[in-house]
Protein backbone atom coordinates (compact mmCIF):
# COMPACT_ATOMS: atom_id res chain seq x y z
CA MET A 1 -16.89 -31.25 2.15
CA PRO A 2 -17.26 -28.08 0.08
CA GLU A 3 -14.52 -27.31 -2.42
CA SER A 4 -12.04 -24.58 -1.34
CA LEU A 5 -11.56 -21.64 -3.68
CA LEU A 6 -7.93 -21.06 -2.91
CA GLY A 7 -6.58 -24.50 -2.23
CA ALA A 8 -2.80 -24.56 -1.89
CA PRO A 9 -0.74 -22.50 -2.25
CA PRO A 10 -2.71 -19.37 -1.26
CA GLY A 11 -2.90 -16.60 -3.79
CA TYR A 12 -4.86 -15.96 -6.95
CA ALA A 13 -7.61 -18.49 -7.52
CA ARG A 14 -7.22 -20.97 -10.32
CA GLY A 15 -9.74 -21.34 -13.09
CA ILE A 16 -10.16 -17.69 -14.08
CA ALA A 17 -13.23 -17.30 -16.25
CA MET A 18 -12.10 -15.15 -19.16
CA SER A 19 -15.68 -14.69 -20.38
CA THR A 20 -16.70 -12.92 -17.19
CA PRO A 21 -17.65 -9.27 -17.88
CA ARG A 22 -14.97 -6.86 -16.71
CA LEU A 23 -15.65 -4.13 -14.18
CA THR A 24 -15.98 -0.56 -15.35
CA LEU A 25 -14.12 2.18 -13.50
CA GLU A 26 -17.42 3.49 -12.14
CA LEU A 27 -18.26 0.08 -10.64
CA LEU A 28 -14.73 -0.41 -9.28
CA LEU A 29 -15.01 2.79 -7.24
CA ARG A 30 -17.97 1.34 -5.35
CA PHE A 31 -15.56 -1.07 -3.67
CA SER A 32 -13.13 -0.16 -0.88
CA PRO A 33 -10.38 1.02 -0.86
CA PHE A 34 -10.16 1.68 -4.63
CA ASP A 35 -11.81 5.09 -4.23
CA PHE A 36 -8.73 6.19 -2.27
CA LEU A 37 -6.47 5.68 -5.30
CA SER A 38 -5.48 8.48 -7.64
CA PRO A 39 -7.03 8.24 -11.15
CA THR A 40 -3.86 6.84 -12.73
CA TYR A 41 -3.66 3.99 -10.22
CA GLN A 42 -7.39 3.25 -10.43
CA GLN A 43 -6.91 2.40 -14.09
CA GLN A 44 -3.86 0.29 -13.25
CA VAL A 45 -5.95 -1.73 -10.78
CA LEU A 46 -8.71 -2.16 -13.35
CA ASP A 47 -6.23 -3.61 -15.83
CA ALA A 48 -4.75 -5.98 -13.20
CA LEU A 49 -7.99 -7.53 -11.90
CA GLN A 50 -8.59 -11.27 -12.19
CA TYR A 51 -12.10 -12.74 -12.37
CA VAL A 52 -13.28 -16.02 -10.85
CA GLN A 53 -16.58 -17.93 -10.99
CA ARG A 54 -17.58 -20.62 -8.47
CA LYS A 55 -20.62 -22.86 -8.01
CA ALA A 56 -23.04 -22.83 -5.08
CA GLY A 57 -21.65 -24.85 -2.15
CA THR A 58 -18.01 -23.92 -2.79
CA ARG A 59 -16.04 -23.05 0.34
CA LEU A 60 -14.42 -19.82 -0.73
CA PHE A 61 -12.34 -19.13 2.38
CA GLN A 62 -11.55 -21.12 5.48
CA ARG A 63 -11.13 -19.41 8.82
CA GLY A 64 -7.44 -19.10 9.75
CA GLU A 65 -5.97 -19.41 6.25
CA LYS A 66 -3.95 -16.74 4.44
CA SER A 67 -4.00 -15.57 0.84
CA LEU A 68 -1.88 -13.39 -1.41
CA ALA A 69 -4.89 -11.77 -3.11
CA LEU A 70 -7.96 -9.87 -2.00
CA TYR A 71 -11.30 -11.19 -3.34
CA TYR A 72 -14.50 -9.18 -3.77
CA LEU A 73 -18.06 -10.41 -4.39
CA LEU A 74 -19.19 -9.12 -7.80
CA GLU A 75 -22.30 -11.26 -8.37
CA GLY A 76 -24.25 -13.77 -6.26
CA LYS A 77 -24.71 -14.57 -2.58
CA VAL A 78 -22.32 -15.91 0.06
CA GLY A 79 -22.59 -17.01 3.67
CA VAL A 80 -20.11 -15.63 6.23
CA GLY A 81 -19.41 -17.58 9.41
CA GLU A 82 -19.49 -21.17 10.56
CA GLU A 83 -22.20 -23.65 9.58
CA GLY A 84 -25.41 -23.04 11.47
CA ALA A 85 -24.62 -19.38 12.12
CA ARG A 86 -23.78 -18.05 8.67
CA LYS A 87 -24.77 -14.50 7.82
CA PRO A 88 -25.87 -14.05 4.19
CA MET A 89 -24.20 -11.37 2.06
CA LEU A 90 -25.53 -10.24 -1.32
CA SER A 91 -23.52 -8.63 -4.09
CA GLY A 92 -24.17 -4.91 -4.24
CA SER A 93 -24.79 -4.64 -0.49
CA LEU A 94 -22.84 -2.32 1.79
CA GLU A 95 -20.98 -5.29 3.31
CA ALA A 96 -19.95 -6.52 -0.13
CA CYS A 97 -18.05 -3.29 -0.79
CA HIS A 98 -15.18 -4.77 1.23
CA ALA A 99 -13.01 -7.76 0.41
CA LEU A 100 -14.30 -11.15 1.59
CA ASN A 101 -10.86 -11.99 2.96
CA GLU A 102 -9.62 -8.59 4.15
CA ALA A 103 -8.32 -9.79 7.51
CA GLN A 104 -5.15 -11.89 7.64
CA PRO A 105 -5.36 -14.64 8.73
CA GLN A 106 -8.93 -15.14 7.51
CA ALA A 107 -11.37 -14.17 10.27
CA GLN A 108 -14.42 -16.18 9.14
CA THR A 109 -15.28 -19.02 6.80
CA VAL A 110 -17.03 -17.90 3.60
CA VAL A 111 -19.19 -20.25 1.49
CA ALA A 112 -20.98 -19.59 -1.82
CA LEU A 113 -24.75 -19.83 -1.26
CA SER A 114 -25.37 -19.38 -5.00
CA ASP A 115 -23.24 -19.37 -8.11
CA VAL A 116 -20.89 -16.42 -7.60
CA THR A 117 -18.51 -14.21 -9.55
CA LEU A 118 -15.54 -12.71 -7.72
CA PHE A 119 -12.79 -10.34 -8.75
CA ALA A 120 -9.33 -10.35 -7.21
CA ILE A 121 -6.34 -8.05 -6.83
CA GLU A 122 -2.90 -9.03 -5.52
CA ARG A 123 -2.42 -7.63 -2.00
CA GLY A 124 1.12 -6.42 -2.56
CA LEU A 125 0.17 -4.50 -5.70
CA LEU A 126 -2.75 -2.77 -3.98
CA GLU A 127 -0.57 -1.90 -0.98
CA ARG A 128 2.01 -0.27 -3.25
CA LEU A 129 -0.60 1.68 -5.22
CA LEU A 130 -2.28 2.91 -2.03
CA ASN A 131 1.07 4.07 -0.71
CA TRP A 132 1.96 5.85 -3.94
CA SER A 133 -1.43 7.55 -4.08
CA GLN A 134 -1.25 8.69 -0.47
CA SER A 135 2.24 10.14 -0.89
CA ALA A 136 1.33 11.99 -4.09
CA SER A 137 1.78 15.40 -2.52
CA TYR A 138 5.32 16.12 -3.63
CA GLY A 139 7.83 16.74 -0.87
CA VAL A 140 10.22 19.61 -1.39
CA VAL A 141 12.19 21.08 1.47
CA SER A 142 13.56 24.58 1.06
CA LEU A 143 16.97 25.34 2.46
CA GLU A 144 17.20 28.76 0.90
CA GLN A 145 19.00 31.02 3.36
CA GLU A 146 22.11 33.15 3.33
CA ASP A 147 25.24 32.52 5.31
CA GLU A 148 27.04 35.20 7.30
CA GLN A 149 28.84 36.44 4.18
CA GLY A 150 25.52 36.83 2.34
CA HIS A 151 26.25 34.04 -0.17
CA ASP A 152 24.25 30.87 -0.71
CA ASP A 153 26.10 27.82 0.59
CA TRP A 154 24.01 24.82 -0.43
CA LEU A 155 26.22 22.29 1.33
CA ALA A 156 26.30 24.10 4.67
CA LEU A 157 22.54 24.53 4.51
CA LEU A 158 22.07 20.86 3.67
CA LEU A 159 24.15 19.76 6.65
CA ARG A 160 22.05 21.97 8.95
CA SER A 161 18.80 20.43 7.67
CA PRO A 162 16.82 17.92 9.78
CA LEU A 163 17.35 15.33 7.03
CA PHE A 164 21.12 15.19 7.44
CA GLY A 165 21.44 16.62 10.95
CA ARG A 166 20.78 13.23 12.58
CA LEU A 167 23.38 11.32 10.57
CA PRO A 168 26.45 9.87 12.31
CA PRO A 169 29.68 11.60 11.14
CA SER A 170 30.95 8.41 9.45
CA HIS A 171 27.78 8.16 7.36
CA LEU A 172 27.87 11.83 6.53
CA HIS A 173 31.43 11.65 5.22
CA ARG A 174 30.55 8.73 2.96
CA LEU A 175 27.50 10.51 1.61
CA LEU A 176 29.36 13.71 0.79
CA ALA A 177 32.07 11.74 -0.96
CA HIS A 178 29.50 10.06 -3.21
CA PHE A 179 27.51 13.07 -4.41
CA ASP A 180 27.42 13.17 -8.20
CA TYR A 181 27.24 16.61 -9.86
CA VAL A 182 25.23 17.02 -13.04
CA GLU A 183 24.90 20.02 -15.33
CA VAL A 184 21.32 20.53 -16.54
CA LYS A 185 19.77 22.78 -19.18
CA ALA A 186 16.56 24.77 -19.21
CA GLY A 187 13.74 22.42 -20.21
CA ASP A 188 15.44 19.25 -18.92
CA ALA A 189 13.15 16.95 -16.89
CA VAL A 190 15.11 15.97 -13.77
CA VAL A 191 12.47 13.42 -12.72
CA ARG A 192 9.23 12.41 -14.42
CA TYR A 193 5.89 11.50 -12.92
CA GLY A 194 5.38 7.73 -12.70
CA GLU A 195 9.05 6.77 -13.03
CA PRO A 196 10.93 4.83 -10.32
CA GLY A 197 12.89 6.92 -7.82
CA GLU A 198 16.59 6.34 -8.43
CA HIS A 199 18.24 9.41 -6.88
CA PHE A 200 17.99 12.01 -4.16
CA TYR A 201 18.57 15.55 -5.48
CA VAL A 202 19.79 18.92 -4.26
CA LEU A 203 19.47 21.91 -6.58
CA LYS A 204 22.85 23.68 -6.41
CA HIS A 205 22.21 26.36 -8.99
CA GLY A 206 19.26 27.38 -11.13
CA ARG A 207 15.48 27.18 -10.85
CA ALA A 208 13.08 24.31 -11.52
CA ALA A 209 9.31 23.74 -11.55
CA VAL A 210 7.32 20.92 -9.94
CA THR A 211 4.20 19.92 -11.89
CA LEU A 212 1.55 17.23 -11.58
CA PRO A 213 -0.16 15.51 -14.54
CA ALA A 214 -3.24 17.01 -16.16
CA VAL A 215 -5.31 14.10 -14.76
CA TYR A 216 -5.45 16.06 -11.49
CA GLN A 217 -8.15 18.69 -11.64
CA GLN A 218 -5.98 21.25 -9.93
CA GLN A 219 -2.56 21.45 -11.53
CA VAL A 220 0.03 21.99 -8.79
CA LEU A 221 2.99 24.19 -9.68
CA GLN A 222 5.85 24.87 -7.32
CA GLU A 223 9.10 26.61 -8.08
CA LEU A 224 12.40 25.32 -6.69
CA GLN A 225 15.39 27.52 -5.97
CA ALA A 226 19.06 26.82 -5.33
CA GLY A 227 19.32 24.91 -2.04
CA ASP A 228 16.02 23.01 -2.31
CA TYR A 229 16.22 19.23 -2.03
CA PHE A 230 13.69 16.71 -3.25
CA GLY A 231 13.16 13.06 -4.09
CA GLU A 232 13.69 11.39 -0.72
CA GLU A 233 10.05 10.41 -0.22
CA ALA A 234 10.07 8.12 -3.25
CA LEU A 235 13.22 6.48 -1.87
CA VAL A 236 11.70 6.08 1.61
CA SER A 237 8.37 4.69 0.42
CA GLY A 238 9.45 2.78 -2.68
CA ALA A 239 6.95 4.84 -4.66
CA VAL A 240 7.29 6.02 -8.21
CA ARG A 241 7.81 9.74 -8.70
CA SER A 242 4.62 11.59 -7.88
CA ALA A 243 5.49 14.72 -9.86
CA THR A 244 7.68 15.99 -12.68
CA VAL A 245 10.56 18.38 -11.96
CA THR A 246 11.65 20.45 -14.96
CA MET A 247 14.48 22.97 -15.11
CA LEU A 248 13.37 26.54 -15.78
CA GLU A 249 16.94 27.66 -16.47
CA ASP A 250 20.40 26.20 -16.78
CA GLY A 251 21.72 24.87 -13.48
CA GLU A 252 23.56 22.16 -11.58
CA LEU A 253 22.30 19.27 -9.45
CA ALA A 254 23.95 17.26 -6.70
CA ARG A 255 22.49 13.77 -6.64
CA LEU A 256 22.88 10.62 -4.56
CA PRO A 257 22.01 7.09 -5.78
CA ARG A 258 19.15 5.18 -4.18
CA GLU A 259 21.31 2.37 -2.79
CA LEU A 260 23.60 4.66 -0.83
CA PHE A 261 20.73 6.85 0.35
CA VAL A 262 18.78 3.86 1.66
CA GLU A 263 21.85 2.30 3.31
CA LEU A 264 23.08 5.38 5.14
CA VAL A 265 20.19 7.83 5.43
CA HIS A 266 17.12 5.61 5.78
CA PRO A 267 17.85 4.44 9.38
CA SER A 268 18.07 8.07 10.51
CA LEU A 269 14.95 9.03 8.58
CA ILE A 270 12.92 6.27 10.24
CA PRO A 271 14.00 6.16 13.91
CA GLN A 272 12.54 3.21 15.80
CA VAL A 273 11.68 2.56 19.43
CA SER A 274 10.48 -0.49 21.30
CA THR A 275 7.50 -0.32 23.64
CA ALA A 276 9.85 -0.41 26.63
CA GLN A 277 12.01 2.39 25.22
CA LEU A 278 8.93 4.47 24.51
CA LYS A 279 7.73 4.09 28.10
CA ASP A 280 11.15 5.18 29.39
CA MET A 281 11.19 8.22 27.09
CA ILE A 282 7.75 9.28 28.28
CA LYS A 283 8.67 8.74 31.93
CA ASN A 284 11.97 10.61 31.72
CA SER A 285 10.67 13.55 29.70
CA GLN A 286 7.18 13.64 31.24
CA ARG A 287 5.82 14.41 27.80
CA GLN A 288 2.47 13.47 26.34
CA PHE A 289 2.47 10.93 23.54
CA LEU A 290 0.11 9.69 20.85
CA LEU A 291 0.08 6.30 19.17
CA LEU A 292 -0.88 6.74 15.51
CA ASP A 293 -2.23 4.18 13.05
CA VAL A 294 -1.71 5.62 9.56
CA ARG A 295 -3.59 2.98 7.55
CA LEU A 296 -6.94 3.58 5.89
CA PRO A 297 -9.98 3.87 8.21
CA VAL A 298 -11.37 0.55 6.96
CA GLU A 299 -8.10 -1.21 7.86
CA TYR A 300 -8.13 0.45 11.28
CA ARG A 301 -11.68 -0.74 11.94
CA LEU A 302 -10.74 -4.35 11.18
CA GLY A 303 -8.18 -4.33 13.97
CA HIS A 304 -5.73 -1.94 15.59
CA GLN A 305 -3.49 -1.63 18.61
CA LEU A 306 -5.23 -0.58 21.80
CA GLY A 307 -4.80 3.11 22.46
CA SER A 308 -3.94 4.03 18.88
CA ILE A 309 -5.84 6.67 16.93
CA SER A 310 -6.52 6.64 13.20
CA LEU A 311 -4.73 9.30 11.11
CA PRO A 312 -4.15 8.09 7.52
CA VAL A 313 -0.79 9.08 6.08
CA ALA A 314 -2.55 10.98 3.30
CA ASN A 315 -3.93 13.39 5.93
CA LEU A 316 -0.70 14.08 7.80
CA ARG A 317 0.19 17.28 5.99
CA THR A 318 -3.34 18.68 6.03
CA HIS A 319 -3.83 17.85 9.73
CA ALA A 320 -0.38 18.91 10.91
CA GLU A 321 -1.63 22.19 12.37
CA SER A 322 -3.93 20.28 14.74
CA LEU A 323 -1.05 18.24 16.19
CA GLU A 324 0.74 19.41 19.33
CA ARG A 325 4.40 20.26 18.82
CA ASP A 326 5.52 19.12 22.28
CA THR A 327 3.84 15.72 21.96
CA LEU A 328 5.88 12.61 21.16
CA TYR A 329 4.40 10.50 18.32
CA ALA A 330 4.77 6.76 17.86
CA VAL A 331 3.50 5.16 14.64
CA THR A 332 2.36 1.53 14.64
CA SER A 333 4.05 -0.67 12.05
CA GLU A 334 0.94 -2.31 10.54
CA GLY A 335 1.00 0.16 7.66
CA GLY A 336 4.34 -1.16 6.37
CA ILE A 337 6.00 1.39 4.11
CA ARG A 338 3.14 3.79 4.81
CA SER A 339 4.14 3.76 8.48
CA GLU A 340 7.75 4.49 7.56
CA LEU A 341 6.68 7.33 5.29
CA ALA A 342 4.51 8.78 8.07
CA VAL A 343 7.42 8.82 10.52
CA HIS A 344 9.57 10.61 7.97
CA LEU A 345 6.86 13.15 7.14
CA LEU A 346 6.19 13.92 10.81
CA ASN A 347 9.87 14.48 11.53
CA GLN A 348 10.20 16.56 8.37
CA LEU A 349 7.32 18.73 9.58
CA GLY A 350 9.12 19.38 12.86
CA PHE A 351 7.55 16.78 15.15
CA GLU A 352 9.36 14.05 17.08
CA ALA A 353 8.14 10.72 15.72
CA TYR A 354 9.24 7.09 15.89
CA LEU A 355 8.24 3.77 14.37
CA LEU A 356 7.08 1.31 17.03
CA SER A 357 9.31 -1.70 16.42
CA ASP A 358 7.65 -4.44 18.48
CA PRO A 359 3.90 -4.48 17.81
CA ASP A 360 3.45 -8.26 17.75
CA ASP A 361 2.90 -8.59 21.49
CA GLN A 362 0.44 -5.74 21.66
CA PRO A 363 -3.30 -6.52 22.03
CA THR A 364 -5.56 -5.45 19.16
CA ALA A 365 -9.13 -4.23 19.05
CA ALA A 366 -11.75 -3.89 16.33
CA ALA A 367 -13.76 -0.70 15.98
């Protein structure tokens, strides 16, 4: 019987060949989905890759098994499928641009037909980096208005915002009691690109600038005024900060720690419905609905819920104008934190969106 690459437990393969030549960034971008990553995260992937060499005849993957890492064919030839009906795959071919074990559980047995070299990346790491890259457009919501007396009232505006408008009164009272107020000076960096998100912020007084690193060809600059809030997307998605916010003048911030924000605000940010509840909502309101899959197109093609359409989370803002305002949107949960982020973004943009909470019983199809 051929030797299995993964063995037990599933995960990174043992016997990493340290003498194997490392991929260059140019070669890495020929493989999917690394070309979807921002430049910073592409380099992080390159540094995290593991390399494996196996002899001809090695069973690399067994149909039905699971693994913690994705493996790509760098050099050599493999056979995909069961014995007697194996389809050959050569390194450098269009098929080899995708991971050999992309589907979970493994869809087909894969055997080395020649000596092969593979490279591997941990699934969880790639998922996080994809999410961070796709949420890199920084979310800032402006609350700048004037009350009836003509004076800015940041708290009243905040409570009228969609973000806090859905909160139960008991949660709202706890949140307001736990705001921390911080004096800041001109030039202070409130948050920095690439750092973990630890707080949600409201700018009470002063002005601030949002900037992206020079690695982006087009430097994005946005100015924040008193009443703007920011930072919730990093707390929703688990992403690092995707921009730097720097004070342009002396001011004051109201901030909320991650733990309290996630405990009390997150459930309202990511409303969920079951399939049965969704059907009742559609029946009672007689509204149209769309089922969205917000993963990458290649993930969608491997398998998706029947009736869903592909709209990657990275495209939500740019495609928002093409979406109907009176349509109800349900997002499938296969995208994990990307699905949660998509629900939040859609609701933030003024749509009614929900996370579908019971996808396991739904049939899937491959495109």
